Amino acid sequence: MVDTVKPAGTSEEVKPRSVRVVLMALMIAMLLAMLDNMIIGTAMPTIVGELGGLEHLSWVVTAYTLATAASTPIWGKIGDMYGRKGSFLASIVIFLIGSALSGMAQDMGQLIGFRAIQGLGAGGLMVGVMAIIGDLIPPRERGKYQGMMAGVMALAMIGGPLVGGTITDHMGWRWSFYINLPLGAVALAMVTAVLHLPKKRAQGKIDYLGAALLTIAITSTVLVTTWGGTEYAWGSVEILALIAVGVLSTAAFLYVETKAAEPVMPLHIFRSRNFTLMSVIGFLVGFAMFGGVLYLPLFQQSVQGASATNSGLLLLPMLLSMMLVSLIAGRVTTSSGKYKIFPIVGGGLMVVGLFLLATMDTDTTRLMSGVYMAVLGAGLGFLMQITMLVAQNSVEMKDMGVASSSATLFRTLGGSFGVALMGSLFTTRVTDTMSERLGPEAAGAAGSAQLDAASLAKLPEVVRDAYQHAVAAGTHSAFLLGAAIAVLGFAAAWFVKEVPLRGAGPSGPSAPADGDKAAPAAQESLAH
């Protein structure tokens, strides 16, 4: 019989074997949320070929992203008020329903709607994973599991495109969605059987007005960053209107949260200096990571002639470095209880890595670009899980869900801003460079689409050379912007306060330091 898991801080001992079982289920759920977009990206050309609706293609991704971002803080609050296990299981079920419906979609409109349902579930998956880990494992012990989380991320980014291509070619694009069903069923069964958390029943009501205003604010922000400079000009009426809606709804949300009995995002959590700093750093990590994931394969395919089929493998130096460093940082944090050095070193490496990537040109070898990616990956490895760990350690246990959801939300929004701003700068620089080398008309014809290695080989040499130089110039500008933004994260890291991590380490239980509203120390450590 499998032992059940009780949360840290209870009088019952937590069994290592059952913790591993629960963590395996949580990692499967995290993999579901992260793998989905990676797989679907590869299958999209085939989907469009069968369903049509090319003009609505971007909404297949946007609907998912919007629903995920908007639902993330709401899932966190529901878990805090009514219990973590029930909300997590509900999010898995909703995600699986969305996956099944997406696989059965008969036109692009249906697919977009079903992807939104998937996104609603995905918002609860990531928050649920982080919050449950926060409930089960004291921060002092949590570092040793960071490598597992980083490994899941690396597996999704590397394996997603490869799996997506294989499934689409041999089983059909619908199985890109159906593949989620057996994985989700396993996660559901494992969590239901092994995870036992205290049931909650809050006296207050959900802050529906705050949730609605936050949803409007997030939706406006994501749409601005998604459409700005692509669908609409930055100065267009549509973008300016969305900005106005975003600002007004954010102001209204902040006001409502000061009056609500159970605010969906309690503003008092931002009184903790560490929590606020981790939110800022998490935003910048998302900015750098998603920008790198987007533009590094483009550079290597267009400039270095790599195959698009193996696009996930192109990120291997960055992802392996990130996973290894995250594992080492987690082990050191567990053994020493010290962590302030990691955001500082990570922030510095992120700046250096992005700057080195900004120096790449048409003569940069794959070996050198791999070294540059490894530097960036090391920086991200020091930051990825530490930001979540410190954010959770900075709030009381009753706010674990909203802390996890807020940290996840800021990272998501950072990724959205990063892709948008770096993308706008990249596109402008490519267009300008092509115009300088070929003239406006030829540049428009050759630069209207992103060209892979096979397409480039068919172009006249002068056009191919111009396009490669243009992509190199665009990559330079995008990563230079990323490096400049990352400097803010490096500066913020120096102000992090080393509040002892809750939970027993080698030196016994730790208590929160004065001056920071950390939660009461957990009374139990994991049995070794």
Protein backbone atom coordinates (compact mmCIF):
# COMPACT_ATOMS: atom_id res chain seq x y z
CA MET A 1 0.00 0.00 0.00
CA VAL A 2 1.35 3.43 -0.94
CA ASP A 3 1.79 5.88 1.90
CA THR A 4 -0.16 9.10 1.60
CA VAL A 5 1.45 12.50 1.78
CA LYS A 6 0.68 15.02 4.48
CA PRO A 7 1.65 18.68 4.25
CA ALA A 8 4.72 20.13 5.89
CA GLY A 9 3.93 21.52 9.27
CA THR A 10 1.50 18.74 10.31
CA SER A 11 2.16 16.25 13.05
CA GLU A 12 2.45 13.38 10.61
CA GLU A 13 5.72 12.43 9.04
CA VAL A 14 6.16 12.88 5.31
CA LYS A 15 7.38 9.71 3.60
CA PRO A 16 10.08 10.19 0.95
CA ARG A 17 8.64 7.45 -1.29
CA SER A 18 5.17 9.00 -1.42
CA VAL A 19 6.65 12.47 -1.89
CA ARG A 20 8.42 11.14 -4.98
CA VAL A 21 5.15 9.66 -6.27
CA VAL A 22 3.32 12.96 -5.81
CA LEU A 23 6.20 14.89 -7.36
CA MET A 24 6.11 12.57 -10.36
CA ALA A 25 2.41 13.32 -10.80
CA LEU A 26 3.08 17.06 -10.44
CA MET A 27 5.87 16.91 -13.01
CA ILE A 28 3.53 15.14 -15.46
CA ALA A 29 0.98 17.93 -14.96
CA MET A 30 3.66 20.59 -15.48
CA LEU A 31 4.81 18.76 -18.60
CA LEU A 32 1.24 18.83 -19.94
CA ALA A 33 1.05 22.61 -19.62
CA MET A 34 4.50 23.31 -21.05
CA LEU A 35 4.58 20.67 -23.78
CA ASP A 36 1.30 21.65 -25.37
CA ASN A 37 2.34 24.83 -27.16
CA MET A 38 5.66 23.27 -28.23
CA ILE A 39 3.87 20.35 -29.89
CA ILE A 40 1.12 22.46 -31.44
CA GLY A 41 3.61 24.88 -32.99
CA THR A 42 5.02 22.06 -35.13
CA ALA A 43 1.57 20.84 -36.12
CA MET A 44 0.11 24.23 -37.07
CA PRO A 45 0.94 24.14 -40.82
CA THR A 46 -0.89 20.80 -41.13
CA ILE A 47 -3.83 22.06 -39.05
CA VAL A 48 -4.23 25.14 -41.25
CA GLY A 49 -4.01 22.96 -44.36
CA GLU A 50 -6.96 20.87 -43.18
CA LEU A 51 -9.15 23.41 -41.34
CA GLY A 52 -8.28 26.56 -43.30
CA GLY A 53 -8.57 29.94 -41.57
CA LEU A 54 -4.96 31.05 -42.03
CA GLU A 55 -5.96 34.62 -41.10
CA HIS A 56 -6.96 33.38 -37.62
CA LEU A 57 -3.84 31.29 -37.07
CA SER A 58 -2.36 33.52 -34.36
CA TRP A 59 -5.52 33.16 -32.27
CA VAL A 60 -4.88 29.44 -31.79
CA VAL A 61 -1.93 30.43 -29.60
CA THR A 62 -3.30 33.75 -28.34
CA ALA A 63 -6.56 32.22 -27.03
CA TYR A 64 -4.58 29.66 -25.03
CA THR A 65 -2.14 32.26 -23.69
CA LEU A 66 -4.87 34.72 -22.74
CA ALA A 67 -6.93 32.12 -20.91
CA THR A 68 -3.85 30.81 -19.08
CA ALA A 69 -2.70 34.26 -17.94
CA ALA A 70 -6.16 35.46 -16.93
CA SER A 71 -7.05 32.33 -14.94
CA THR A 72 -3.69 31.92 -13.16
CA PRO A 73 -4.35 34.25 -10.17
CA ILE A 74 -7.94 33.03 -9.84
CA TRP A 75 -6.83 29.38 -9.57
CA GLY A 76 -4.32 30.40 -6.88
CA LYS A 77 -6.98 32.12 -4.79
CA ILE A 78 -9.48 29.26 -5.19
CA GLY A 79 -6.81 26.85 -3.93
CA ASP A 80 -6.12 29.05 -0.91
CA MET A 81 -9.82 29.35 -0.04
CA TYR A 82 -11.25 25.92 -0.84
CA GLY A 83 -8.32 23.51 -0.87
CA ARG A 84 -5.37 22.84 -3.13
CA LYS A 85 -6.09 19.27 -4.15
CA GLY A 86 -9.63 19.85 -5.42
CA SER A 87 -8.69 22.91 -7.47
CA PHE A 88 -5.69 21.14 -8.96
CA LEU A 89 -7.72 18.09 -9.98
CA ALA A 90 -10.36 20.40 -11.48
CA SER A 91 -7.72 22.20 -13.55
CA ILE A 92 -6.42 18.87 -14.91
CA VAL A 93 -9.95 17.80 -15.87
CA ILE A 94 -10.66 21.12 -17.63
CA PHE A 95 -7.35 20.90 -19.49
CA LEU A 96 -8.13 17.35 -20.64
CA ILE A 97 -11.64 18.33 -21.75
CA GLY A 98 -10.14 21.19 -23.76
CA SER A 99 -7.58 18.81 -25.26
CA ALA A 100 -10.22 16.27 -26.31
CA LEU A 101 -12.44 18.96 -27.82
CA SER A 102 -9.49 20.56 -29.64
CA GLY A 103 -8.67 17.21 -31.21
CA MET A 104 -12.25 16.96 -32.46
CA ALA A 105 -12.45 20.54 -33.84
CA GLN A 106 -13.99 20.78 -37.31
CA ASP A 107 -13.03 24.37 -38.14
CA MET A 108 -10.66 27.07 -36.95
CA GLY A 109 -13.33 28.84 -34.87
CA GLN A 110 -14.00 25.69 -32.87
CA LEU A 111 -10.30 25.07 -32.39
CA ILE A 112 -9.74 28.59 -31.05
CA GLY A 113 -12.62 28.22 -28.58
CA PHE A 114 -11.48 24.81 -27.40
CA ARG A 115 -7.91 26.08 -27.02
CA ALA A 116 -9.25 28.74 -24.67
CA ILE A 117 -10.79 25.96 -22.54
CA GLN A 118 -7.40 24.24 -22.53
CA GLY A 119 -5.79 27.50 -21.41
CA LEU A 120 -8.20 27.84 -18.50
CA GLY A 121 -7.05 24.45 -17.23
CA ALA A 122 -3.40 25.17 -17.94
CA GLY A 123 -3.53 28.25 -15.69
CA GLY A 124 -4.38 25.99 -12.76
CA LEU A 125 -1.80 23.33 -13.64
CA MET A 126 1.28 25.50 -13.16
CA VAL A 127 -0.07 27.25 -10.07
CA GLY A 128 -1.23 23.96 -8.58
CA VAL A 129 2.17 22.34 -9.03
CA MET A 130 4.04 25.22 -7.39
CA ALA A 131 1.55 25.72 -4.55
CA ILE A 132 1.31 22.00 -3.68
CA ILE A 133 5.09 21.74 -3.58
CA GLY A 134 5.01 24.82 -1.35
CA ASP A 135 2.52 23.07 0.95
CA LEU A 136 4.31 19.71 1.08
CA ILE A 137 7.96 20.65 1.22
CA PRO A 138 9.49 23.36 3.43
CA PRO A 139 11.57 25.93 1.48
CA ARG A 140 14.78 24.71 3.13
CA GLU A 141 14.20 21.24 1.64
CA ARG A 142 12.66 22.40 -1.63
CA GLY A 143 15.92 23.27 -3.35
CA LYS A 144 16.85 19.63 -3.94
CA TYR A 145 13.83 19.23 -6.21
CA GLN A 146 14.64 22.23 -8.42
CA GLY A 147 16.55 20.11 -10.89
CA MET A 148 13.42 18.04 -11.53
CA MET A 149 11.44 21.15 -12.46
CA ALA A 150 14.19 22.48 -14.70
CA GLY A 151 14.46 19.04 -16.29
CA VAL A 152 10.75 19.05 -17.14
CA MET A 153 11.16 22.45 -18.78
CA ALA A 154 14.14 21.27 -20.80
CA LEU A 155 12.30 18.10 -21.83
CA ALA A 156 9.30 20.15 -23.02
CA MET A 157 11.39 22.62 -25.01
CA ILE A 158 13.65 20.02 -26.59
CA GLY A 159 11.17 17.20 -27.06
CA GLY A 160 8.08 19.24 -27.92
CA PRO A 161 8.95 20.12 -31.53
CA LEU A 162 10.33 16.63 -32.19
CA VAL A 163 7.30 14.88 -30.69
CA GLY A 164 4.94 17.26 -32.47
CA GLY A 165 6.53 16.59 -35.84
CA THR A 166 6.54 12.82 -35.33
CA ILE A 167 2.91 12.68 -34.17
CA THR A 168 1.72 14.93 -37.00
CA ASP A 169 3.57 12.95 -39.67
CA HIS A 170 2.58 9.46 -38.50
CA MET A 171 -0.68 9.79 -36.52
CA GLY A 172 -2.28 13.05 -37.67
CA TRP A 173 -2.43 16.48 -36.04
CA ARG A 174 -5.43 15.58 -33.86
CA TRP A 175 -3.18 13.30 -31.81
CA SER A 176 -1.14 16.36 -30.86
CA PHE A 177 -4.08 17.04 -28.54
CA TYR A 178 -5.15 13.48 -27.77
CA ILE A 179 -1.66 12.65 -26.46
CA ASN A 180 -2.53 14.74 -23.38
CA LEU A 181 -5.32 12.38 -22.36
CA PRO A 182 -3.31 9.33 -21.16
CA LEU A 183 -0.72 11.57 -19.48
CA GLY A 184 -3.44 13.54 -17.72
CA ALA A 185 -5.23 10.36 -16.64
CA VAL A 186 -2.03 9.09 -15.00
CA ALA A 187 -1.55 12.41 -13.18
CA LEU A 188 -5.18 12.38 -12.02
CA ALA A 189 -4.94 8.84 -10.66
CA MET A 190 -1.65 9.43 -8.86
CA VAL A 191 -2.71 12.71 -7.24
CA THR A 192 -6.11 11.30 -6.20
CA ALA A 193 -4.59 8.19 -4.62
CA VAL A 194 -1.56 9.63 -2.86
CA LEU A 195 -2.01 13.34 -2.13
CA HIS A 196 -4.01 14.24 0.99
CA LEU A 197 -4.16 17.88 1.98
CA PRO A 198 -6.45 19.47 4.59
CA LYS A 199 -9.87 20.37 3.23
CA LYS A 200 -10.75 24.05 3.48
CA ARG A 201 -13.99 25.93 3.46
CA ALA A 202 -13.57 29.68 3.43
CA GLN A 203 -16.13 31.85 5.17
CA GLY A 204 -15.80 34.69 2.66
CA LYS A 205 -16.84 34.76 -0.98
CA ILE A 206 -14.64 34.84 -4.04
CA ASP A 207 -13.81 38.37 -5.11
CA TYR A 208 -15.67 38.21 -8.42
CA LEU A 209 -15.33 41.93 -9.20
CA GLY A 210 -11.59 41.86 -8.55
CA ALA A 211 -11.25 38.70 -10.64
CA ALA A 212 -13.16 40.32 -13.52
CA LEU A 213 -11.09 43.51 -13.41
CA LEU A 214 -7.85 41.55 -13.20
CA THR A 215 -8.93 39.43 -16.18
CA ILE A 216 -9.64 42.57 -18.21
CA ALA A 217 -6.30 44.10 -17.22
CA ILE A 218 -4.33 40.96 -18.10
CA THR A 219 -6.24 40.45 -21.35
CA SER A 220 -5.59 44.04 -22.43
CA THR A 221 -1.91 43.76 -21.58
CA VAL A 222 -1.42 40.46 -23.42
CA LEU A 223 -3.30 41.74 -26.48
CA VAL A 224 -1.19 44.91 -26.57
CA THR A 225 2.02 42.90 -26.50
CA THR A 226 0.66 40.33 -28.97
CA TRP A 227 -0.83 42.72 -31.53
CA GLY A 228 1.40 45.79 -31.10
CA GLY A 229 3.70 46.21 -34.11
CA THR A 230 2.23 43.17 -35.89
CA GLU A 231 -1.56 43.20 -36.31
CA TYR A 232 -1.74 46.93 -35.55
CA ALA A 233 0.79 49.76 -35.39
CA TRP A 234 1.88 50.77 -31.90
CA GLY A 235 0.27 54.19 -32.37
CA SER A 236 -3.01 52.84 -33.80
CA VAL A 237 -6.40 53.53 -32.24
CA GLU A 238 -6.80 49.83 -31.37
CA ILE A 239 -3.54 49.59 -29.42
CA LEU A 240 -4.03 52.93 -27.67
CA ALA A 241 -7.56 51.89 -26.69
CA LEU A 242 -6.26 48.60 -25.27
CA ILE A 243 -3.59 50.48 -23.31
CA ALA A 244 -6.25 52.81 -21.89
CA VAL A 245 -8.47 49.86 -20.92
CA GLY A 246 -5.49 48.14 -19.31
CA VAL A 247 -4.51 51.19 -17.25
CA LEU A 248 -8.08 51.94 -16.10
CA SER A 249 -8.89 48.32 -15.22
CA THR A 250 -5.60 47.99 -13.31
CA ALA A 251 -6.36 51.13 -11.30
CA ALA A 252 -9.89 49.90 -10.58
CA PHE A 253 -8.55 46.46 -9.61
CA LEU A 254 -6.08 47.94 -7.11
CA TYR A 255 -8.87 49.99 -5.53
CA VAL A 256 -11.25 47.02 -5.30
CA GLU A 257 -8.56 44.82 -3.74
CA THR A 258 -8.18 47.28 -0.85
CA LYS A 259 -11.89 46.86 -0.04
CA ALA A 260 -12.55 43.16 -0.74
CA ALA A 261 -12.92 40.74 2.18
CA GLU A 262 -11.08 37.96 0.27
CA PRO A 263 -9.11 39.76 -2.48
CA VAL A 264 -8.12 37.60 -5.42
CA MET A 265 -4.61 39.06 -5.15
CA PRO A 266 -4.04 40.39 -1.61
CA LEU A 267 -1.95 43.53 -1.93
CA HIS A 268 -0.36 42.97 1.48
CA ILE A 269 1.88 40.26 -0.02
CA PHE A 270 3.74 43.04 -1.84
CA ARG A 271 4.70 44.60 1.49
CA SER A 272 7.39 41.94 1.65
CA ARG A 273 10.43 43.38 -0.05
CA ASN A 274 11.60 39.95 -1.14
CA PHE A 275 8.27 39.05 -2.71
CA THR A 276 8.16 42.28 -4.69
CA LEU A 277 11.76 41.87 -5.84
CA MET A 278 11.13 38.26 -6.89
CA SER A 279 8.11 39.40 -8.89
CA VAL A 280 10.28 41.91 -10.74
CA ILE A 281 13.10 39.42 -11.31
CA GLY A 282 10.61 36.73 -12.41
CA PHE A 283 9.16 39.16 -14.97
CA LEU A 284 12.65 39.79 -16.35
CA VAL A 285 13.47 36.05 -16.40
CA GLY A 286 10.37 35.47 -18.51
CA PHE A 287 11.39 38.36 -20.77
CA ALA A 288 14.85 36.89 -21.40
CA MET A 289 13.91 33.21 -21.57
CA PHE A 290 10.99 33.41 -24.00
CA GLY A 291 12.84 35.87 -26.21
CA GLY A 292 15.82 33.51 -26.33
CA VAL A 293 13.69 30.47 -27.08
CA LEU A 294 12.04 32.34 -29.97
CA TYR A 295 15.01 34.00 -31.66
CA LEU A 296 17.86 31.57 -31.13
CA PRO A 297 16.40 28.84 -33.40
CA LEU A 298 15.52 31.50 -35.98
CA PHE A 299 19.12 32.72 -36.05
CA GLN A 300 20.56 29.22 -36.30
CA GLN A 301 18.16 28.18 -39.04
CA SER A 302 18.44 31.35 -41.13
CA VAL A 303 22.07 32.31 -40.59
CA GLN A 304 23.82 29.08 -39.62
CA GLY A 305 21.83 26.79 -41.93
CA ALA A 306 20.47 24.42 -39.27
CA SER A 307 17.46 22.21 -39.96
CA ALA A 308 14.08 23.37 -38.66
CA THR A 309 13.18 19.74 -37.87
CA ASN A 310 15.68 19.67 -35.02
CA SER A 311 14.84 23.16 -33.73
CA GLY A 312 14.40 21.89 -30.18
CA LEU A 313 17.91 20.43 -30.15
CA LEU A 314 19.35 23.83 -31.08
CA LEU A 315 18.53 25.02 -27.57
CA LEU A 316 20.29 22.09 -25.90
CA PRO A 317 23.33 24.06 -24.59
CA MET A 318 21.08 26.62 -22.92
CA LEU A 319 18.63 24.10 -21.48
CA LEU A 320 21.22 21.62 -20.20
CA SER A 321 23.17 24.44 -18.58
CA MET A 322 19.97 25.76 -17.01
CA MET A 323 19.03 22.31 -15.67
CA LEU A 324 22.50 21.54 -14.26
CA VAL A 325 22.94 24.91 -12.57
CA SER A 326 19.41 24.81 -11.15
CA LEU A 327 20.15 21.40 -9.64
CA ILE A 328 23.43 22.59 -8.09
CA ALA A 329 21.86 25.80 -6.75
CA GLY A 330 19.01 23.79 -5.25
CA ARG A 331 21.36 21.38 -3.48
CA VAL A 332 23.47 24.21 -2.08
CA THR A 333 20.35 26.03 -0.88
CA THR A 334 19.10 22.90 0.89
CA SER A 335 22.40 22.22 2.62
CA SER A 336 23.26 25.80 3.58
CA GLY A 337 19.94 27.64 3.71
CA LYS A 338 21.63 30.52 1.86
CA TYR A 339 20.30 31.83 -1.42
CA LYS A 340 20.98 35.56 -1.87
CA ILE A 341 24.11 34.93 -3.92
CA PHE A 342 22.14 33.03 -6.57
CA PRO A 343 19.92 35.88 -7.82
CA ILE A 344 22.98 38.12 -7.98
CA VAL A 345 25.15 35.64 -9.89
CA GLY A 346 22.19 34.59 -12.03
CA GLY A 347 21.31 38.17 -12.88
CA GLY A 348 24.91 38.91 -13.83
CA LEU A 349 25.20 35.81 -16.02
CA MET A 350 21.89 36.61 -17.70
CA VAL A 351 23.19 40.07 -18.66
CA VAL A 352 26.48 38.64 -19.92
CA GLY A 353 24.78 35.80 -21.82
CA LEU A 354 22.33 38.11 -23.59
CA PHE A 355 25.12 40.54 -24.46
CA LEU A 356 27.24 37.71 -25.90
CA LEU A 357 24.26 36.55 -27.98
CA ALA A 358 23.90 40.13 -29.22
CA THR A 359 27.44 39.92 -30.67
CA MET A 360 26.56 37.05 -33.02
CA ASP A 361 26.85 37.72 -36.74
CA THR A 362 27.03 35.74 -39.99
CA ASP A 363 30.52 34.46 -39.08
CA THR A 364 29.61 33.12 -35.62
CA THR A 365 30.10 29.37 -35.44
CA ARG A 366 27.64 26.97 -33.86
CA LEU A 367 30.21 26.19 -31.18
CA MET A 368 30.48 29.84 -30.13
CA SER A 369 26.73 30.38 -30.17
CA GLY A 370 26.42 27.21 -28.06
CA VAL A 371 28.86 28.66 -25.50
CA TYR A 372 26.89 31.92 -25.40
CA MET A 373 23.65 29.99 -24.90
CA ALA A 374 25.24 28.00 -22.07
CA VAL A 375 26.11 31.26 -20.27
CA LEU A 376 22.53 32.48 -20.58
CA GLY A 377 21.24 29.07 -19.48
CA ALA A 378 23.44 29.21 -16.37
CA GLY A 379 22.00 32.60 -15.47
CA LEU A 380 18.46 31.34 -15.92
CA GLY A 381 19.29 28.22 -13.90
CA PHE A 382 20.29 30.34 -10.90
CA LEU A 383 17.07 32.33 -11.19
CA MET A 384 14.24 30.10 -12.43
CA GLN A 385 13.32 28.20 -9.26
CA ILE A 386 14.99 30.49 -6.72
CA THR A 387 12.52 33.25 -7.60
CA MET A 388 9.57 30.98 -6.83
CA LEU A 389 11.25 29.58 -3.70
CA VAL A 390 11.93 33.02 -2.19
CA ALA A 391 8.49 34.34 -3.20
CA GLN A 392 6.78 31.45 -1.40
CA ASN A 393 9.04 31.85 1.63
CA SER A 394 8.03 35.52 1.88
CA VAL A 395 4.32 34.99 2.54
CA GLU A 396 2.17 33.19 5.11
CA MET A 397 1.00 29.67 4.36
CA LYS A 398 -2.58 30.89 3.82
CA ASP A 399 -1.33 32.97 0.88
CA MET A 400 0.76 30.22 -0.72
CA GLY A 401 -1.60 29.92 -3.68
CA VAL A 402 -1.75 33.60 -4.55
CA ALA A 403 2.01 33.90 -4.07
CA SER A 404 2.61 31.03 -6.50
CA SER A 405 0.06 32.35 -8.99
CA SER A 406 1.41 35.90 -8.81
CA ALA A 407 4.98 34.74 -9.39
CA THR A 408 3.80 32.60 -12.33
CA LEU A 409 1.73 35.47 -13.72
CA PHE A 410 4.62 37.95 -13.65
CA ARG A 411 6.86 35.46 -15.44
CA THR A 412 4.14 34.88 -18.07
CA LEU A 413 3.64 38.60 -18.60
CA GLY A 414 7.40 39.06 -18.82
CA GLY A 415 7.51 36.46 -21.58
CA SER A 416 4.67 38.21 -23.40
CA PHE A 417 6.43 41.59 -23.21
CA GLY A 418 9.75 40.04 -24.19
CA VAL A 419 8.42 38.34 -27.30
CA ALA A 420 6.51 41.49 -28.32
CA LEU A 421 9.22 44.10 -27.77
CA MET A 422 12.10 41.97 -29.01
CA GLY A 423 9.95 40.89 -31.95
CA SER A 424 9.07 44.45 -32.92
CA LEU A 425 12.70 45.51 -32.74
CA PHE A 426 13.80 42.41 -34.66
CA THR A 427 11.30 42.98 -37.47
CA THR A 428 12.18 46.66 -37.82
CA ARG A 429 15.90 45.95 -37.97
CA VAL A 430 15.46 43.13 -40.53
CA THR A 431 13.35 45.36 -42.77
CA ASP A 432 15.79 48.28 -42.54
CA THR A 433 18.83 46.09 -43.27
CA MET A 434 17.14 44.43 -46.25
CA SER A 435 16.18 47.83 -47.63
CA GLU A 436 19.73 49.09 -47.29
CA ARG A 437 21.14 46.10 -49.17
CA LEU A 438 18.45 45.38 -51.76
CA GLY A 439 16.18 48.39 -51.93
CA PRO A 440 12.64 48.70 -50.49
CA GLU A 441 10.80 46.64 -53.14
CA ALA A 442 13.18 43.68 -53.19
CA ALA A 443 13.44 43.77 -49.42
CA GLY A 444 9.67 43.55 -49.07
CA ALA A 445 9.48 40.54 -51.35
CA ALA A 446 12.36 38.64 -49.77
CA GLY A 447 11.75 39.60 -46.16
CA SER A 448 8.01 39.08 -46.00
CA ALA A 449 8.41 35.66 -44.38
CA GLN A 450 10.85 33.85 -42.13
CA LEU A 451 12.91 31.60 -44.39
CA ASP A 452 14.32 28.23 -43.36
CA ALA A 453 17.57 26.74 -44.60
CA ALA A 454 15.93 24.94 -47.54
CA SER A 455 14.14 28.09 -48.74
CA LEU A 456 17.29 30.17 -48.38
CA ALA A 457 19.27 27.76 -50.56
CA LYS A 458 16.92 28.49 -53.47
CA LEU A 459 17.43 32.26 -53.33
CA PRO A 460 19.98 34.15 -55.44
CA GLU A 461 23.24 34.55 -53.55
CA VAL A 462 22.92 38.32 -53.19
CA VAL A 463 19.42 38.00 -51.71
CA ARG A 464 20.43 35.15 -49.42
CA ASP A 465 23.44 37.11 -48.17
CA ALA A 466 21.28 40.18 -47.52
CA TYR A 467 18.67 38.15 -45.63
CA GLN A 468 21.27 36.45 -43.44
CA HIS A 469 22.86 39.78 -42.56
CA ALA A 470 19.41 41.21 -41.84
CA VAL A 471 18.52 38.36 -39.46
CA ALA A 472 21.90 38.73 -37.72
CA ALA A 473 21.26 42.46 -37.32
CA GLY A 474 17.76 41.83 -36.00
CA THR A 475 19.06 39.24 -33.54
CA HIS A 476 21.73 41.69 -32.38
CA SER A 477 19.12 44.37 -31.61
CA ALA A 478 16.72 41.96 -29.91
CA PHE A 479 19.31 40.48 -27.56
CA LEU A 480 20.89 43.87 -26.88
CA LEU A 481 17.49 45.04 -25.66
CA GLY A 482 17.24 41.89 -23.56
CA ALA A 483 20.65 42.57 -22.00
CA ALA A 484 19.68 46.14 -21.16
CA ILE A 485 16.43 44.99 -19.50
CA ALA A 486 18.28 42.21 -17.64
CA VAL A 487 20.50 44.84 -15.97
CA LEU A 488 17.42 45.84 -13.96
CA GLY A 489 17.13 42.28 -12.64
CA PHE A 490 20.82 42.22 -11.69
CA ALA A 491 20.38 45.51 -9.82
CA ALA A 492 17.22 44.29 -8.05
CA ALA A 493 18.98 41.12 -6.86
CA TRP A 494 21.36 43.12 -4.66
CA PHE A 495 18.41 44.32 -2.55
CA VAL A 496 17.16 40.81 -1.73
CA LYS A 497 17.17 40.19 2.02
CA GLU A 498 18.48 36.81 3.20
CA VAL A 499 15.45 35.67 5.22
CA PRO A 500 16.10 32.15 6.62
CA LEU A 501 14.15 29.50 4.74
CA ARG A 502 11.37 27.77 6.65
CA GLY A 503 11.86 24.11 7.49
CA ALA A 504 14.51 22.01 9.13
CA GLY A 505 17.87 21.73 7.49
CA PRO A 506 21.12 20.36 8.88
CA SER A 507 21.15 23.02 11.52
CA GLY A 508 17.55 22.58 12.62
CA PRO A 509 14.41 24.58 12.05
CA SER A 510 14.75 28.07 10.68
CA ALA A 511 12.64 31.01 11.69
CA PRO A 512 11.80 34.07 9.68
CA ALA A 513 14.07 37.02 10.14
CA ASP A 514 12.72 40.23 11.62
CA GLY A 515 11.45 42.77 9.19
CA ASP A 516 9.96 40.41 6.61
CA LYS A 517 6.51 38.85 6.87
CA ALA A 518 7.52 35.27 6.25
CA ALA A 519 5.22 32.46 7.30
CA PRO A 520 5.63 30.52 10.52
CA ALA A 521 8.33 27.89 10.38
CA ALA A 522 7.27 24.44 9.24
CA GLN A 523 7.56 21.94 12.04
CA GLU A 524 8.42 18.87 10.06
CA SER A 525 11.17 18.12 7.58
CA LEU A 526 11.15 15.34 5.06
CA ALA A 527 12.51 12.06 6.34
CA HIS A 528 15.83 11.19 4.72
